[in-house]
C-alpha atoms as a PDB file:
ATOM      1  CA  MET A   1     -21.401 -30.230  13.529  1.00  0.00           C
ATOM      2  CA  SER A   2     -21.280 -28.705  10.096  1.00  0.00           C
ATOM      3  CA  VAL A   3     -22.582 -31.367   7.564  1.00  0.00           C
ATOM      4  CA  ARG A   4     -20.772 -29.820   4.504  1.00  0.00           C
ATOM      5  CA  PRO A   5     -16.914 -29.373   4.850  1.00  0.00           C
ATOM      6  CA  ILE A   6     -14.869 -26.295   4.828  1.00  0.00           C
ATOM      7  CA  ILE A   7     -12.266 -25.862   2.224  1.00  0.00           C
ATOM      8  CA  LEU A   8      -9.170 -24.284   3.527  1.00  0.00           C
ATOM      9  CA  ALA A   9      -6.092 -23.436   1.231  1.00  0.00           C
ATOM     10  CA  GLU A  10      -3.023 -22.216   2.931  1.00  0.00           C
ATOM     11  CA  ASP A  11       0.551 -22.711   1.776  1.00  0.00           C
ATOM     12  CA  ASN A  12       2.228 -22.520   5.087  1.00  0.00           C
ATOM     13  CA  ASP A  13       2.103 -25.911   6.613  1.00  0.00           C
ATOM     14  CA  ARG A  14       2.129 -24.673  10.253  1.00  0.00           C
ATOM     15  CA  LEU A  15      -0.775 -22.237   9.761  1.00  0.00           C
ATOM     16  CA  ARG A  16      -2.673 -24.777   7.757  1.00  0.00           C
ATOM     17  CA  ARG A  17      -2.466 -27.398  10.595  1.00  0.00           C
ATOM     18  CA  LEU A  18      -3.203 -24.512  13.092  1.00  0.00           C
ATOM     19  CA  TYR A  19      -6.407 -23.267  11.211  1.00  0.00           C
ATOM     20  CA  SER A  20      -7.529 -26.912  10.548  1.00  0.00           C
ATOM     21  CA  ASP A  21      -7.256 -28.078  14.142  1.00  0.00           C
ATOM     22  CA  MET A  22      -8.757 -25.004  15.489  1.00  0.00           C
ATOM     23  CA  LEU A  23     -11.845 -25.282  12.980  1.00  0.00           C
ATOM     24  CA  GLU A  24     -12.348 -29.074  13.585  1.00  0.00           C
ATOM     25  CA  SER A  25     -12.199 -28.510  17.518  1.00  0.00           C
ATOM     26  CA  ALA A  26     -15.008 -26.000  16.935  1.00  0.00           C
ATOM     27  CA  GLY A  27     -17.144 -28.689  15.239  1.00  0.00           C
ATOM     28  CA  PHE A  28     -16.461 -28.168  11.544  1.00  0.00           C
ATOM     29  CA  LYS A  29     -15.186 -30.632   8.920  1.00  0.00           C
ATOM     30  CA  VAL A  30     -12.208 -29.306   7.168  1.00  0.00           C
ATOM     31  CA  MET A  31     -10.653 -30.332   3.748  1.00  0.00           C
ATOM     32  CA  HIS A  32      -7.335 -28.494   3.278  1.00  0.00           C
ATOM     33  CA  ALA A  33      -5.061 -27.674   0.314  1.00  0.00           C
ATOM     34  CA  SER A  34      -1.569 -26.157   0.023  1.00  0.00           C
ATOM     35  CA  ASP A  35      -2.378 -24.006  -3.038  1.00  0.00           C
ATOM     36  CA  GLY A  36      -5.206 -22.668  -5.107  1.00  0.00           C
ATOM     37  CA  GLU A  37      -5.022 -25.358  -7.877  1.00  0.00           C
ATOM     38  CA  LYS A  38      -5.531 -28.108  -5.224  1.00  0.00           C
ATOM     39  CA  ALA A  39      -8.371 -26.171  -3.582  1.00  0.00           C
ATOM     40  CA  ILE A  40     -10.143 -25.984  -7.018  1.00  0.00           C
ATOM     41  CA  SER A  41      -9.652 -29.717  -7.496  1.00  0.00           C
ATOM     42  CA  LEU A  42     -11.357 -30.370  -4.117  1.00  0.00           C
ATOM     43  CA  LEU A  43     -14.534 -28.822  -5.537  1.00  0.00           C
ATOM     44  CA  HIS A  44     -14.783 -31.672  -7.880  1.00  0.00           C
ATOM     45  CA  LYS A  45     -15.178 -33.832  -4.775  1.00  0.00           C
ATOM     46  CA  VAL A  46     -17.275 -31.281  -2.734  1.00  0.00           C
ATOM     47  CA  VAL A  47     -19.492 -29.340  -4.980  1.00  0.00           C
ATOM     48  CA  HIS A  48     -21.153 -27.169  -2.403  1.00  0.00           C
ATOM     49  CA  PRO A  49     -18.769 -26.731   0.609  1.00  0.00           C
ATOM     50  CA  GLN A  50     -19.893 -24.888   3.680  1.00  0.00           C
ATOM     51  CA  LEU A  51     -17.543 -22.041   2.870  1.00  0.00           C
ATOM     52  CA  ILE A  52     -14.076 -21.638   1.379  1.00  0.00           C
ATOM     53  CA  ILE A  53     -10.955 -19.872   3.206  1.00  0.00           C
ATOM     54  CA  LEU A  54      -8.165 -18.808   0.823  1.00  0.00           C
ATOM     55  CA  ASP A  55      -4.844 -17.476   1.674  1.00  0.00           C
ATOM     56  CA  VAL A  56      -4.076 -14.346  -0.428  1.00  0.00           C
ATOM     57  CA  MET A  57      -0.511 -15.267  -1.304  1.00  0.00           C
ATOM     58  CA  MET A  58       0.031 -18.823  -2.481  1.00  0.00           C
ATOM     59  CA  PRO A  59       2.372 -20.495  -5.103  1.00  0.00           C
ATOM     60  CA  ARG A  60       1.065 -21.649  -8.496  1.00  0.00           C
ATOM     61  CA  LEU A  61      -2.185 -19.795  -8.003  1.00  0.00           C
ATOM     62  CA  ASP A  62      -2.822 -17.156  -5.584  1.00  0.00           C
ATOM     63  CA  GLY A  63      -5.944 -16.663  -3.671  1.00  0.00           C
ATOM     64  CA  ILE A  64      -7.322 -13.830  -5.688  1.00  0.00           C
ATOM     65  CA  GLU A  65      -7.184 -15.759  -8.916  1.00  0.00           C
ATOM     66  CA  THR A  66      -8.301 -18.947  -7.224  1.00  0.00           C
ATOM     67  CA  CYS A  67     -11.519 -16.995  -5.902  1.00  0.00           C
ATOM     68  CA  ALA A  68     -12.282 -15.628  -9.372  1.00  0.00           C
ATOM     69  CA  ARG A  69     -12.116 -19.230 -10.940  1.00  0.00           C
ATOM     70  CA  ILE A  70     -14.229 -20.618  -8.159  1.00  0.00           C
ATOM     71  CA  ARG A  71     -16.896 -17.998  -8.654  1.00  0.00           C
ATOM     72  CA  LYS A  72     -17.180 -19.085 -12.370  1.00  0.00           C
ATOM     73  CA  MET A  73     -17.310 -22.662 -11.360  1.00  0.00           C
ATOM     74  CA  GLN A  74     -20.144 -22.297  -8.844  1.00  0.00           C
ATOM     75  CA  GLY A  75     -22.543 -20.445 -10.985  1.00  0.00           C
ATOM     76  CA  LEU A  76     -25.936 -19.844  -9.308  1.00  0.00           C
ATOM     77  CA  ARG A  77     -24.969 -21.835  -6.131  1.00  0.00           C
ATOM     78  CA  PRO A  78     -22.032 -19.837  -4.608  1.00  0.00           C
ATOM     79  CA  CYS A  79     -20.750 -20.323  -1.182  1.00  0.00           C
ATOM     80  CA  PRO A  80     -19.015 -17.848   1.039  1.00  0.00           C
ATOM     81  CA  ILE A  81     -15.403 -17.287   0.419  1.00  0.00           C
ATOM     82  CA  LEU A  82     -13.258 -15.779   3.051  1.00  0.00           C
ATOM     83  CA  PHE A  83      -9.569 -14.550   2.537  1.00  0.00           C
ATOM     84  CA  LEU A  84      -6.618 -14.959   4.983  1.00  0.00           C
ATOM     85  CA  THR A  85      -4.393 -11.928   4.708  1.00  0.00           C
ATOM     86  CA  ALA A  86      -1.462 -10.553   6.643  1.00  0.00           C
ATOM     87  CA  LEU A  87      -2.292  -6.911   6.145  1.00  0.00           C
ATOM     88  CA  ASP A  88      -5.686  -5.365   6.087  1.00  0.00           C
ATOM     89  CA  ASN A  89      -4.936  -2.653   3.819  1.00  0.00           C
ATOM     90  CA  PRO A  90      -7.429  -1.039   1.406  1.00  0.00           C
ATOM     91  CA  GLU A  91      -5.731  -2.275  -1.732  1.00  0.00           C
ATOM     92  CA  THR A  92      -5.624  -5.898  -0.667  1.00  0.00           C
ATOM     93  CA  ILE A  93      -9.256  -5.828   0.613  1.00  0.00           C
ATOM     94  CA  LEU A  94     -10.497  -4.329  -2.655  1.00  0.00           C
ATOM     95  CA  GLU A  95      -8.661  -7.012  -4.723  1.00  0.00           C
ATOM     96  CA  CYS A  96     -10.265  -9.735  -2.471  1.00  0.00           C
ATOM     97  CA  LEU A  97     -13.759  -8.365  -2.750  1.00  0.00           C
ATOM     98  CA  SER A  98     -13.526  -7.602  -6.334  1.00  0.00           C
ATOM     99  CA  ALA A  99     -12.598 -11.290  -7.215  1.00  0.00           C
ATOM    100  CA  GLY A 100     -15.768 -12.312  -5.273  1.00  0.00           C
ATOM    101  CA  GLY A 101     -14.607 -12.791  -1.735  1.00  0.00           C
ATOM    102  CA  ASP A 102     -17.088 -12.092   1.071  1.00  0.00           C
ATOM    103  CA  ASP A 103     -15.008 -11.299   4.012  1.00  0.00           C
ATOM    104  CA  TYR A 104     -11.311 -11.320   5.074  1.00  0.00           C
ATOM    105  CA  LEU A 105      -9.422 -12.604   8.205  1.00  0.00           C
ATOM    106  CA  VAL A 106      -6.242 -10.996   9.310  1.00  0.00           C
ATOM    107  CA  LYS A 107      -3.696 -13.592  10.245  1.00  0.00           C
ATOM    108  CA  THR A 108      -2.640 -11.718  13.412  1.00  0.00           C
ATOM    109  CA  ALA A 109      -6.287 -11.732  14.649  1.00  0.00           C
ATOM    110  CA  PRO A 110      -6.958 -13.885  17.832  1.00  0.00           C
ATOM    111  CA  LEU A 111      -8.016 -17.402  16.890  1.00  0.00           C
ATOM    112  CA  THR A 112     -11.292 -16.761  18.684  1.00  0.00           C
ATOM    113  CA  GLU A 113     -12.160 -13.973  16.133  1.00  0.00           C
ATOM    114  CA  VAL A 114     -11.384 -16.356  13.300  1.00  0.00           C
ATOM    115  CA  ILE A 115     -13.840 -18.890  14.576  1.00  0.00           C
ATOM    116  CA  GLU A 116     -16.765 -16.268  15.092  1.00  0.00           C
ATOM    117  CA  ARG A 117     -16.318 -14.952  11.632  1.00  0.00           C
ATOM    118  CA  VAL A 118     -16.395 -18.616  10.218  1.00  0.00           C
ATOM    119  CA  GLN A 119     -19.321 -19.391  12.343  1.00  0.00           C
ATOM    120  CA  TYR A 120     -21.144 -16.203  11.162  1.00  0.00           C
ATOM    121  CA  TRP A 121     -20.724 -17.035   7.525  1.00  0.00           C
ATOM    122  CA  SER A 122     -21.611 -20.679   8.041  1.00  0.00           C
ATOM    123  CA  ARG A 123     -24.888 -19.732   9.452  1.00  0.00           C
ATOM    124  CA  LYS A 124     -26.055 -17.734   6.589  1.00  0.00           C
ATOM    125  CA  GLY A 125     -28.558 -19.543   4.511  1.00  0.00           C
ATOM    126  CA  THR A 126     -27.894 -17.382   1.357  1.00  0.00           C
ATOM    127  CA  ILE A 127     -25.034 -14.997   0.356  1.00  0.00           C
ATOM    128  CA  GLU A 128     -27.359 -12.674  -1.467  1.00  0.00           C
ATOM    129  CA  GLU A 129     -27.034 -10.268   1.428  1.00  0.00           C
ATOM    130  CA  GLY A 130     -23.322 -10.664   1.276  1.00  0.00           C
ATOM    131  CA  ALA A 131     -23.172  -9.895  -2.317  1.00  0.00           C
ATOM    132  CA  GLU A 132     -25.016  -6.459  -1.689  1.00  0.00           C
ATOM    133  CA  ARG A 133     -22.514  -5.792   1.242  1.00  0.00           C
ATOM    134  CA  ARG A 134     -19.521  -6.608  -1.148  1.00  0.00           C
ATOM    135  CA  LYS A 135     -20.802  -4.122  -3.732  1.00  0.00           C
ATOM    136  CA  LYS A 136     -21.182  -1.414  -1.175  1.00  0.00           C
ATOM    137  CA  ALA A 137     -17.681  -2.109   0.305  1.00  0.00           C
ATOM    138  CA  ILE A 138     -16.181  -2.205  -3.180  1.00  0.00           C
ATOM    139  CA  ARG A 139     -17.709   1.236  -3.876  1.00  0.00           C
ATOM    140  CA  GLU A 140     -16.275   2.645  -0.641  1.00  0.00           C
ATOM    141  CA  LEU A 141     -12.884   1.168  -1.047  1.00  0.00           C
ATOM    142  CA  GLU A 142     -12.670   2.632  -4.592  1.00  0.00           C
ATOM    143  CA  ALA A 143     -13.609   5.896  -3.513  1.00  0.00           C
ATOM    144  CA  ILE A 144     -10.846   5.759  -0.889  1.00  0.00           C
ATOM    145  CA  GLN A 145      -8.361   4.720  -3.611  1.00  0.00           C
ATOM    146  CA  SER A 146      -9.251   7.590  -5.902  1.00  0.00           C
ATOM    147  CA  GLY A 147      -9.116  10.148  -3.084  1.00  0.00           C
ATOM    148  CA  THR A 148      -5.549   8.740  -1.899  1.00  0.00           C
ATOM    149  CA  SER A 149      -3.952   7.927  -5.245  1.00  0.00           C
ATOM    150  CA  ASP A 150      -1.260  10.271  -4.636  1.00  0.00           C
ATOM    151  CA  PHE A 151      -0.173   8.865  -1.409  1.00  0.00           C
ATOM    152  CA  SER A 152       2.714   6.144  -1.108  1.00  0.00           C
ATOM    153  CA  SER A 153       1.965   2.578   0.067  1.00  0.00           C
ATOM    154  CA  ALA A 154       4.082   3.450   2.988  1.00  0.00           C
ATOM    155  CA  LYS A 155       1.605   6.244   3.980  1.00  0.00           C
ATOM    156  CA  VAL A 156      -1.418   3.738   3.724  1.00  0.00           C
ATOM    157  CA  ALA A 157       0.521   1.217   5.940  1.00  0.00           C
ATOM    158  CA  GLU A 158       1.389   4.051   8.349  1.00  0.00           C
ATOM    159  CA  ASP A 159      -2.363   5.054   8.566  1.00  0.00           C
ATOM    160  CA  VAL A 160      -3.441   1.436   9.231  1.00  0.00           C
ATOM    161  CA  SER A 161      -0.790   1.208  12.102  1.00  0.00           C
ATOM    162  CA  ASN A 162      -1.959   4.463  13.583  1.00  0.00           C
ATOM    163  CA  ASP A 163      -5.565   3.252  13.608  1.00  0.00           C
ATOM    164  CA  GLN A 164      -4.705   0.032  15.185  1.00  0.00           C
ATOM    165  CA  ALA A 165      -2.739   1.906  17.918  1.00  0.00           C
ATOM    166  CA  ILE A 166      -5.721   4.153  18.689  1.00  0.00           C
ATOM    167  CA  LEU A 167      -8.054   1.120  18.704  1.00  0.00           C
ATOM    168  CA  ASP A 168      -6.011  -0.568  21.173  1.00  0.00           C
ATOM    169  CA  GLN A 169      -6.205   2.439  23.483  1.00  0.00           C
ATOM    170  CA  ILE A 170      -9.983   2.747  23.051  1.00  0.00           C
ATOM    171  CA  ALA A 171     -10.339  -1.075  23.855  1.00  0.00           C
ATOM    172  CA  ASP A 172      -8.160  -0.799  27.093  1.00  0.00           C
ATOM    173  CA  PHE A 173     -10.331   2.239  28.101  1.00  0.00           C
ATOM    174  CA  ILE A 174     -13.659   0.127  27.595  1.00  0.00           C
ATOM    175  CA  LYS A 175     -12.299  -2.838  29.353  1.00  0.00           C
ATOM    176  CA  ASN A 176     -11.241  -0.632  32.380  1.00  0.00           C
ATOM    177  CA  THR A 177     -14.561   1.208  32.533  1.00  0.00           C
ATOM    178  CA  ASP A 178     -17.008  -1.485  31.506  1.00  0.00           C
ATOM    179  CA  GLY A 179     -18.124  -1.984  35.143  1.00  0.00           C
ATOM    180  CA  ALA A 180     -20.038   1.398  35.022  1.00  0.00           C
ATOM    181  CA  PHE A 181     -22.438  -0.155  32.445  1.00  0.00           C
ATOM    182  CA  THR A 182     -25.378  -2.366  33.530  1.00  0.00           C
ATOM    183  CA  GLU A 183     -27.778  -4.654  31.549  1.00  0.00           C
ATOM    184  CA  LYS A 184     -30.221  -1.775  31.182  1.00  0.00           C
ATOM    185  CA  GLU A 185     -27.869  -0.227  28.607  1.00  0.00           C
ATOM    186  CA  GLN A 186     -29.406  -1.846  25.368  1.00  0.00           C
ATOM    187  CA  SER A 187     -27.518  -2.749  22.203  1.00  0.00           C
ATOM    188  CA  PHE A 188     -28.321   0.506  20.456  1.00  0.00           C
ATOM    189  CA  TYR A 189     -26.942   2.519  23.342  1.00  0.00           C
ATOM    190  CA  ARG A 190     -23.620   0.455  23.587  1.00  0.00           C
ATOM    191  CA  PHE A 191     -23.206   0.528  19.692  1.00  0.00           C
ATOM    192  CA  GLY A 192     -23.785   4.332  19.813  1.00  0.00           C
ATOM    193  CA  TYR A 193     -21.148   4.619  22.629  1.00  0.00           C
ATOM    194  CA  LEU A 194     -18.683   2.701  20.614  1.00  0.00           C
ATOM    195  CA  VAL A 195     -19.281   4.744  17.494  1.00  0.00           C
ATOM    196  CA  GLY A 196     -19.027   7.972  19.582  1.00  0.00           C
ATOM    197  CA  LEU A 197     -15.614   6.883  20.953  1.00  0.00           C
ATOM    198  CA  VAL A 198     -14.320   5.903  17.453  1.00  0.00           C
ATOM    199  CA  ASN A 199     -15.560   9.144  15.838  1.00  0.00           C
ATOM    200  CA  ALA A 200     -14.072  11.383  18.593  1.00  0.00           C
ATOM    201  CA  CYS A 201     -10.742   9.571  18.608  1.00  0.00           C
ATOM    202  CA  ILE A 202     -10.093   9.218  14.984  1.00  0.00           C
ATOM    203  CA  LYS A 203     -10.235  12.400  13.170  1.00  0.00           C
ATOM    204  CA  ASN A 204     -12.239  12.914   9.890  1.00  0.00           C
ATOM    205  CA  LEU A 205     -13.853   9.541  10.100  1.00  0.00           C
ATOM    206  CA  ASN A 206     -17.467   9.112   9.087  1.00  0.00           C
ATOM    207  CA  ARG A 207     -19.941   6.357   8.075  1.00  0.00           C
ATOM    208  CA  SER A 208     -18.997   6.792   4.324  1.00  0.00           C
ATOM    209  CA  ASP A 209     -15.289   5.966   5.123  1.00  0.00           C
ATOM    210  CA  ALA A 210     -14.622   2.245   4.469  1.00  0.00           C
ATOM    211  CA  ARG A 211     -12.513   2.124   7.653  1.00  0.00           C
ATOM    212  CA  PHE A 212     -15.610   2.593   9.765  1.00  0.00           C
ATOM    213  CA  ASN A 213     -16.888  -0.834   9.736  1.00  0.00           C
ATOM    214  CA  ARG A 214     -13.479  -2.423  10.015  1.00  0.00           C
ATOM    215  CA  LEU A 215     -12.689  -0.295  13.055  1.00  0.00           C
ATOM    216  CA  VAL A 216     -15.959  -0.667  14.830  1.00  0.00           C
ATOM    217  CA  ARG A 217     -16.101  -4.492  14.180  1.00  0.00           C
ATOM    218  CA  ASN A 218     -12.463  -4.987  15.341  1.00  0.00           C
ATOM    219  CA  LEU A 219     -13.342  -2.936  18.668  1.00  0.00           C
ATOM    220  CA  VAL A 220     -16.389  -5.191  19.267  1.00  0.00           C
ATOM    221  CA  TYR A 221     -14.239  -8.395  18.803  1.00  0.00           C
ATOM    222  CA  LYS A 222     -11.522  -7.008  21.052  1.00  0.00           C
ATOM    223  CA  THR A 223     -13.843  -5.932  23.910  1.00  0.00           C
ATOM    224  CA  GLY A 224     -17.205  -7.899  23.624  1.00  0.00           C
ATOM    225  CA  PHE A 225     -18.776  -4.610  24.606  1.00  0.00           C
ATOM    226  CA  VAL A 226     -21.652  -5.274  22.031  1.00  0.00           C
ATOM    227  CA  ASP A 227     -22.826  -8.768  21.438  1.00  0.00           C
ATOM    228  CA  ARG A 228     -20.551 -10.062  18.672  1.00  0.00           C
ATOM    229  CA  LYS A 229     -23.523 -11.948  17.050  1.00  0.00           C
ATOM    230  CA  GLU A 230     -25.271  -8.554  16.521  1.00  0.00           C
ATOM    231  CA  ILE A 231     -22.601  -6.286  15.168  1.00  0.00           C
ATOM    232  CA  GLU A 232     -23.124  -7.252  11.389  1.00  0.00           C
ATOM    233  CA  ALA A 233     -26.744  -6.440  11.699  1.00  0.00           C
ATOM    234  CA  LEU A 234     -26.056  -3.188  13.563  1.00  0.00           C
ATOM    235  CA  LEU A 235     -23.601  -2.160  11.040  1.00  0.00           C
ATOM    236  CA  ASP A 236     -25.930  -3.136   8.015  1.00  0.00           C
ATOM    237  CA  ASN A 237     -28.738  -1.152   9.613  1.00  0.00           C
ATOM    238  CA  TYR A 238     -26.746   1.900  10.657  1.00  0.00           C
ATOM    239  CA  GLU A 239     -28.720   4.435   8.780  1.00  0.00           C
ATOM    240  CA  ARG A 240     -31.964   3.381  10.659  1.00  0.00           C
ATOM    241  CA  ILE A 241     -30.386   2.861  14.065  1.00  0.00           C
ATOM    242  CA  VAL A 242     -28.515   6.340  13.985  1.00  0.00           C
ATOM    243  CA  ASN A 243     -31.994   7.930  14.542  1.00  0.00           C
ATOM    244  CA  GLN A 244     -32.887   5.943  17.547  1.00  0.00           C
ATOM    245  CA  SER A 245     -32.846   7.794  20.958  1.00  0.00           C
ATOM    246  CA  GLN A 246     -30.770   5.078  22.659  1.00  0.00           C
ATOM    247  CA  PHE A 247     -28.068   5.216  20.013  1.00  0.00           C
ATOM    248  CA  GLN A 248     -27.909   8.902  20.185  1.00  0.00           C
ATOM    249  CA  ALA A 249     -27.662   8.765  23.851  1.00  0.00           C
ATOM    250  CA  GLY A 250     -24.871   6.372  23.705  1.00  0.00           C
ATOM    251  CA  TRP A 251     -23.146   8.357  21.100  1.00  0.00           C
ATOM    252  CA  LYS A 252     -23.152  11.488  23.185  1.00  0.00           C
ATOM    253  CA  HIS A 253     -21.766   9.506  26.147  1.00  0.00           C
ATOM    254  CA  GLY A 254     -18.850   8.232  24.034  1.00  0.00           C
ATOM    255  CA  GLN A 255     -18.118  11.697  22.770  1.00  0.00           C
ATOM    256  CA  ASP A 256     -18.192  13.113  26.307  1.00  0.00           C
ATOM    257  CA  VAL A 257     -15.754  10.606  27.791  1.00  0.00           C
ATOM    258  CA  ALA A 258     -13.353  10.383  24.773  1.00  0.00           C
ATOM    259  CA  ALA A 259     -11.184  12.999  26.278  1.00  0.00           C
ATOM    260  CA  GLU A 260     -10.277  10.620  28.965  1.00  0.00           C
ATOM    261  CA  ILE A 261      -8.442   8.472  26.486  1.00  0.00           C
ATOM    262  CA  SER A 262      -5.002   9.659  25.832  1.00  0.00           C
ATOM    263  CA  VAL A 263      -5.036  10.088  21.929  1.00  0.00           C
ATOM    264  CA  PRO A 264      -5.807  13.385  20.170  1.00  0.00           C
ATOM    265  CA  THR A 265      -9.549  13.667  19.786  1.00  0.00           C
ATOM    266  CA  GLY A 266     -11.747  15.344  17.070  1.00  0.00           C
ATOM    267  CA  ASP A 267     -14.412  17.889  17.613  1.00  0.00           C
ATOM    268  CA  ALA A 268     -16.628  16.544  20.402  1.00  0.00           C
ATOM    269  CA  GLU A 269     -19.499  18.685  19.145  1.00  0.00           C
ATOM    270  CA  ALA A 270     -19.361  17.177  15.618  1.00  0.00           C
ATOM    271  CA  ALA A 271     -22.766  15.894  14.203  1.00  0.00           C
ATOM    272  CA  ILE A 272     -23.495  12.140  14.416  1.00  0.00           C
ATOM    273  CA  PRO A 273     -21.900  10.499  11.486  1.00  0.00           C
END
């Protein structure tokens, strides 16, 4: 059981109870608040919580401002901060990360995924690595925004919806064909296979696109095709892994079979992203 508690701030009573019960059943101690100001007041009782979960939209003090204030309070001993959001669009994610957040949880995600993300951040002994990841993600999101500034928010929402629909089709395909894989296919091979499928089915997507990590991570959570405990390390070390023969073999396999998924595919002969 976690020695230090988690602080959970969510203004919706039903969701607050749901997440609290779920986390406590997983072995965590939870202190909850109904808004940002109450969450900050809890930090006077618990100076160094295990981590903090903040709903983005809350009365009195929203999650973005709450996060910024907490970061100033914590000084040199910050803890991970995760956001709860209803829509994982680039604008919202950029706001969360810029305020000092480390990760985000989509409210529509299965509860098992929420638990796994919380467990991951609870295991980290330091968030220095998370700070570097945050800076990199912010740069990628800012690049996306500058490149799509002429598009309406409706277009962004449509793109997110289209990505999710394609991701669901890829996930179904993986679940239906997983029996063809055996234990001999190592993590790098399976990771390459997933990347090959995603790259072939979603046009104009490459490693520099901020959607890449989100799509591959979500696919892992949906299918379990790659060990969920390994996905962050695989994504963080992508530039090194992409040159491994196992990854490249898996990537080619994913590209070759992508045509069997009933979505428009990109160029199967494209270079590995």
